[in-house]
Amino acid sequence: THLAQINPTFWLILGVGIARAELDRAEIGWVEPENVPVDKPGLLRDDYIPGNIGFDPLGLKPEDPEEFFEMQTKELQNGR
C-alpha cells in the first residue's frame, strides 16, 4: 500500500502535533479536573465558546457580540 511507503517519522511527528493541538484545546476550554465537582465531569469554562480557541489569523471574528452571534448562527445553519 501507499501508506507503507511513508517514513514512520512522519507519522510520529503527525501524532505528536495532533496530541499537542488537542491538549491546547482542552486547556483552553475545560476546567482543570481538580476544580470540578464529582457530579459534573467535563465542565467547560464559563467564558469558553465551543470552537473558539483564539485562532483567527485573518481577523474575521466580529468584535461586537451581536455580530458574532449572528455569524455563528449563519455558520451553523450552513453546516460550516
N, C-alpha and C. Protein backbone atom coordinates (compact mmCIF):
# COMPACT_ATOMS: atom_id res chain seq x y z
N THR A 1 0.83 -1.19 0.00
CA THR A 1 0.00 0.00 0.00
C THR A 1 0.87 1.25 0.00
N HIS A 2 0.25 2.34 -0.29
CA HIS A 2 0.99 3.60 -0.34
C HIS A 2 1.36 4.10 1.05
N LEU A 3 0.54 3.78 2.05
CA LEU A 3 0.84 4.24 3.40
C LEU A 3 2.12 3.62 3.93
N ALA A 4 2.42 2.40 3.52
CA ALA A 4 3.64 1.74 3.97
C ALA A 4 4.89 2.42 3.41
N GLN A 5 4.75 3.19 2.36
CA GLN A 5 5.89 3.86 1.75
C GLN A 5 6.26 5.16 2.46
N ILE A 6 5.40 5.63 3.36
CA ILE A 6 5.66 6.88 4.07
C ILE A 6 6.58 6.60 5.25
N ASN A 7 7.54 7.47 5.43
CA ASN A 7 8.51 7.34 6.51
C ASN A 7 7.80 7.33 7.87
N PRO A 8 8.10 6.37 8.75
CA PRO A 8 7.45 6.31 10.07
C PRO A 8 7.67 7.57 10.91
N THR A 9 8.73 8.31 10.65
CA THR A 9 8.98 9.55 11.39
C THR A 9 7.87 10.56 11.12
N PHE A 10 7.35 10.56 9.90
CA PHE A 10 6.24 11.46 9.58
C PHE A 10 5.04 11.17 10.47
N TRP A 11 4.70 9.88 10.67
CA TRP A 11 3.55 9.51 11.49
C TRP A 11 3.78 9.91 12.94
N LEU A 12 5.01 9.79 13.40
CA LEU A 12 5.34 10.19 14.77
C LEU A 12 5.15 11.70 14.95
N ILE A 13 5.68 12.48 14.02
CA ILE A 13 5.54 13.94 14.09
C ILE A 13 4.07 14.34 13.98
N LEU A 14 3.33 13.70 13.08
CA LEU A 14 1.91 13.99 12.93
C LEU A 14 1.14 13.69 14.22
N GLY A 15 1.41 12.54 14.82
CA GLY A 15 0.75 12.17 16.06
C GLY A 15 1.06 13.13 17.20
N VAL A 16 2.31 13.54 17.33
CA VAL A 16 2.70 14.49 18.38
C VAL A 16 2.03 15.84 18.12
N GLY A 17 1.97 16.27 16.88
CA GLY A 17 1.33 17.54 16.55
C GLY A 17 -0.16 17.54 16.87
N ILE A 18 -0.84 16.45 16.53
CA ILE A 18 -2.28 16.34 16.83
C ILE A 18 -2.50 16.31 18.34
N ALA A 19 -1.67 15.55 19.05
CA ALA A 19 -1.81 15.46 20.51
C ALA A 19 -1.61 16.83 21.15
N ARG A 20 -0.63 17.59 20.68
CA ARG A 20 -0.37 18.92 21.24
C ARG A 20 -1.55 19.87 20.98
N ALA A 21 -2.09 19.82 19.78
CA ALA A 21 -3.24 20.68 19.45
C ALA A 21 -4.44 20.33 20.32
N GLU A 22 -4.68 19.05 20.55
CA GLU A 22 -5.82 18.64 21.38
C GLU A 22 -5.60 19.02 22.84
N LEU A 23 -4.37 18.91 23.33
CA LEU A 23 -4.10 19.32 24.70
C LEU A 23 -4.30 20.82 24.88
N ASP A 24 -3.85 21.61 23.92
CA ASP A 24 -4.06 23.06 23.98
C ASP A 24 -5.55 23.39 24.00
N ARG A 25 -6.32 22.72 23.16
CA ARG A 25 -7.76 22.95 23.10
C ARG A 25 -8.42 22.58 24.43
N ALA A 26 -7.98 21.49 25.03
CA ALA A 26 -8.54 21.07 26.31
C ALA A 26 -8.20 22.06 27.42
N GLU A 27 -7.00 22.61 27.40
CA GLU A 27 -6.60 23.59 28.41
C GLU A 27 -7.38 24.89 28.26
N ILE A 28 -7.73 25.24 27.04
CA ILE A 28 -8.48 26.48 26.79
C ILE A 28 -9.94 26.31 27.20
N GLY A 29 -10.54 25.18 26.89
CA GLY A 29 -11.98 25.01 27.04
C GLY A 29 -12.47 24.42 28.34
N TRP A 30 -11.71 23.54 28.95
CA TRP A 30 -12.23 22.80 30.10
C TRP A 30 -11.59 23.25 31.40
N VAL A 31 -12.38 23.13 32.47
CA VAL A 31 -11.89 23.42 33.82
C VAL A 31 -10.97 22.28 34.25
N GLU A 32 -9.92 22.61 35.00
CA GLU A 32 -8.98 21.59 35.47
C GLU A 32 -9.72 20.54 36.31
N PRO A 33 -9.38 19.26 36.18
CA PRO A 33 -10.11 18.20 36.89
C PRO A 33 -10.15 18.38 38.41
N GLU A 34 -9.10 18.94 39.00
CA GLU A 34 -9.11 19.11 40.45
C GLU A 34 -10.10 20.19 40.92
N ASN A 35 -10.57 21.04 39.99
CA ASN A 35 -11.51 22.10 40.34
C ASN A 35 -12.95 21.79 39.92
N VAL A 36 -13.20 20.55 39.51
CA VAL A 36 -14.52 20.17 39.02
C VAL A 36 -15.24 19.32 40.07
N PRO A 37 -16.51 19.64 40.37
CA PRO A 37 -17.27 18.77 41.28
C PRO A 37 -17.42 17.36 40.69
N VAL A 38 -17.53 16.39 41.55
CA VAL A 38 -17.60 14.99 41.12
C VAL A 38 -18.81 14.75 40.22
N ASP A 39 -19.91 15.46 40.44
CA ASP A 39 -21.12 15.23 39.66
C ASP A 39 -21.15 16.00 38.34
N LYS A 40 -20.07 16.72 38.00
CA LYS A 40 -20.04 17.50 36.75
C LYS A 40 -18.74 17.24 35.97
N PRO A 41 -18.49 16.01 35.53
CA PRO A 41 -17.27 15.75 34.76
C PRO A 41 -17.31 16.47 33.41
N GLY A 42 -16.18 16.93 32.94
CA GLY A 42 -16.11 17.61 31.65
C GLY A 42 -16.68 19.00 31.67
N LEU A 43 -16.59 19.70 32.79
CA LEU A 43 -17.15 21.04 32.94
C LEU A 43 -16.38 22.05 32.09
N LEU A 44 -17.11 22.79 31.25
CA LEU A 44 -16.48 23.81 30.41
C LEU A 44 -16.30 25.10 31.20
N ARG A 45 -15.33 25.91 30.78
CA ARG A 45 -15.13 27.22 31.40
C ARG A 45 -16.32 28.12 31.05
N ASP A 46 -16.63 29.04 31.95
CA ASP A 46 -17.77 29.94 31.75
C ASP A 46 -17.58 30.84 30.53
N ASP A 47 -16.36 31.27 30.28
CA ASP A 47 -16.11 32.21 29.18
C ASP A 47 -15.75 31.51 27.86
N TYR A 48 -15.83 30.19 27.83
CA TYR A 48 -15.45 29.43 26.63
C TYR A 48 -16.65 29.25 25.71
N ILE A 49 -16.45 29.55 24.44
CA ILE A 49 -17.43 29.29 23.40
C ILE A 49 -16.90 28.13 22.57
N PRO A 50 -17.61 27.00 22.48
CA PRO A 50 -17.10 25.85 21.74
C PRO A 50 -16.62 26.23 20.34
N GLY A 51 -15.42 25.81 20.03
CA GLY A 51 -14.82 26.11 18.74
C GLY A 51 -13.95 27.35 18.75
N ASN A 52 -14.05 28.18 19.77
CA ASN A 52 -13.27 29.41 19.84
C ASN A 52 -12.00 29.15 20.64
N ILE A 53 -10.91 28.86 19.94
CA ILE A 53 -9.64 28.59 20.62
C ILE A 53 -8.64 29.72 20.40
N GLY A 54 -9.13 30.86 19.93
CA GLY A 54 -8.27 32.02 19.77
C GLY A 54 -7.50 32.05 18.47
N PHE A 55 -7.86 31.23 17.50
CA PHE A 55 -7.15 31.19 16.22
C PHE A 55 -7.97 31.92 15.17
N ASP A 56 -7.57 33.13 14.86
CA ASP A 56 -8.26 33.94 13.86
C ASP A 56 -7.22 34.80 13.12
N PRO A 57 -6.36 34.15 12.31
CA PRO A 57 -5.26 34.91 11.67
C PRO A 57 -5.73 35.96 10.67
N LEU A 58 -6.92 35.81 10.12
CA LEU A 58 -7.40 36.79 9.14
C LEU A 58 -8.27 37.86 9.77
N GLY A 59 -8.52 37.75 11.05
CA GLY A 59 -9.32 38.74 11.76
C GLY A 59 -10.77 38.78 11.32
N LEU A 60 -11.36 37.62 11.05
CA LEU A 60 -12.75 37.54 10.58
C LEU A 60 -13.78 37.54 11.70
N LYS A 61 -13.35 37.26 12.92
CA LYS A 61 -14.30 37.20 14.03
C LYS A 61 -14.74 38.61 14.41
N PRO A 62 -16.06 38.87 14.40
CA PRO A 62 -16.55 40.19 14.78
C PRO A 62 -16.29 40.50 16.25
N GLU A 63 -15.97 41.75 16.56
CA GLU A 63 -15.74 42.16 17.94
C GLU A 63 -17.06 42.34 18.70
N ASP A 64 -18.08 42.79 17.99
CA ASP A 64 -19.39 43.02 18.60
C ASP A 64 -20.06 41.67 18.90
N PRO A 65 -20.50 41.45 20.15
CA PRO A 65 -21.12 40.15 20.49
C PRO A 65 -22.35 39.82 19.65
N GLU A 66 -23.15 40.83 19.29
CA GLU A 66 -24.34 40.56 18.47
C GLU A 66 -23.95 40.10 17.08
N GLU A 67 -22.93 40.75 16.48
CA GLU A 67 -22.46 40.34 15.16
C GLU A 67 -21.84 38.95 15.21
N PHE A 68 -21.11 38.66 16.30
CA PHE A 68 -20.51 37.34 16.45
C PHE A 68 -21.59 36.26 16.53
N PHE A 69 -22.65 36.52 17.32
CA PHE A 69 -23.75 35.56 17.44
C PHE A 69 -24.43 35.34 16.09
N GLU A 70 -24.60 36.43 15.34
CA GLU A 70 -25.23 36.32 14.02
C GLU A 70 -24.36 35.48 13.08
N MET A 71 -23.04 35.74 13.07
CA MET A 71 -22.14 34.97 12.21
C MET A 71 -22.12 33.50 12.64
N GLN A 72 -22.10 33.26 13.94
CA GLN A 72 -22.10 31.90 14.45
C GLN A 72 -23.37 31.16 14.02
N THR A 73 -24.50 31.82 14.10
CA THR A 73 -25.77 31.21 13.70
C THR A 73 -25.77 30.90 12.20
N LYS A 74 -25.28 31.83 11.40
CA LYS A 74 -25.21 31.58 9.94
C LYS A 74 -24.32 30.39 9.62
N GLU A 75 -23.17 30.28 10.29
CA GLU A 75 -22.27 29.17 10.03
C GLU A 75 -22.91 27.84 10.43
N LEU A 76 -23.60 27.83 11.56
CA LEU A 76 -24.26 26.59 12.00
C LEU A 76 -25.38 26.19 11.05
N GLN A 77 -26.13 27.17 10.56
CA GLN A 77 -27.24 26.88 9.65
C GLN A 77 -26.73 26.41 8.29
N ASN A 78 -25.55 26.82 7.90
CA ASN A 78 -24.99 26.42 6.61
C ASN A 78 -24.06 25.22 6.71
N GLY A 79 -23.91 24.66 7.92
CA GLY A 79 -23.12 23.45 8.07
C GLY A 79 -21.63 23.64 7.95
N ARG A 80 -21.14 24.79 8.34
CA ARG A 80 -19.67 25.01 8.25
C ARG A 80 -19.02 24.78 9.57
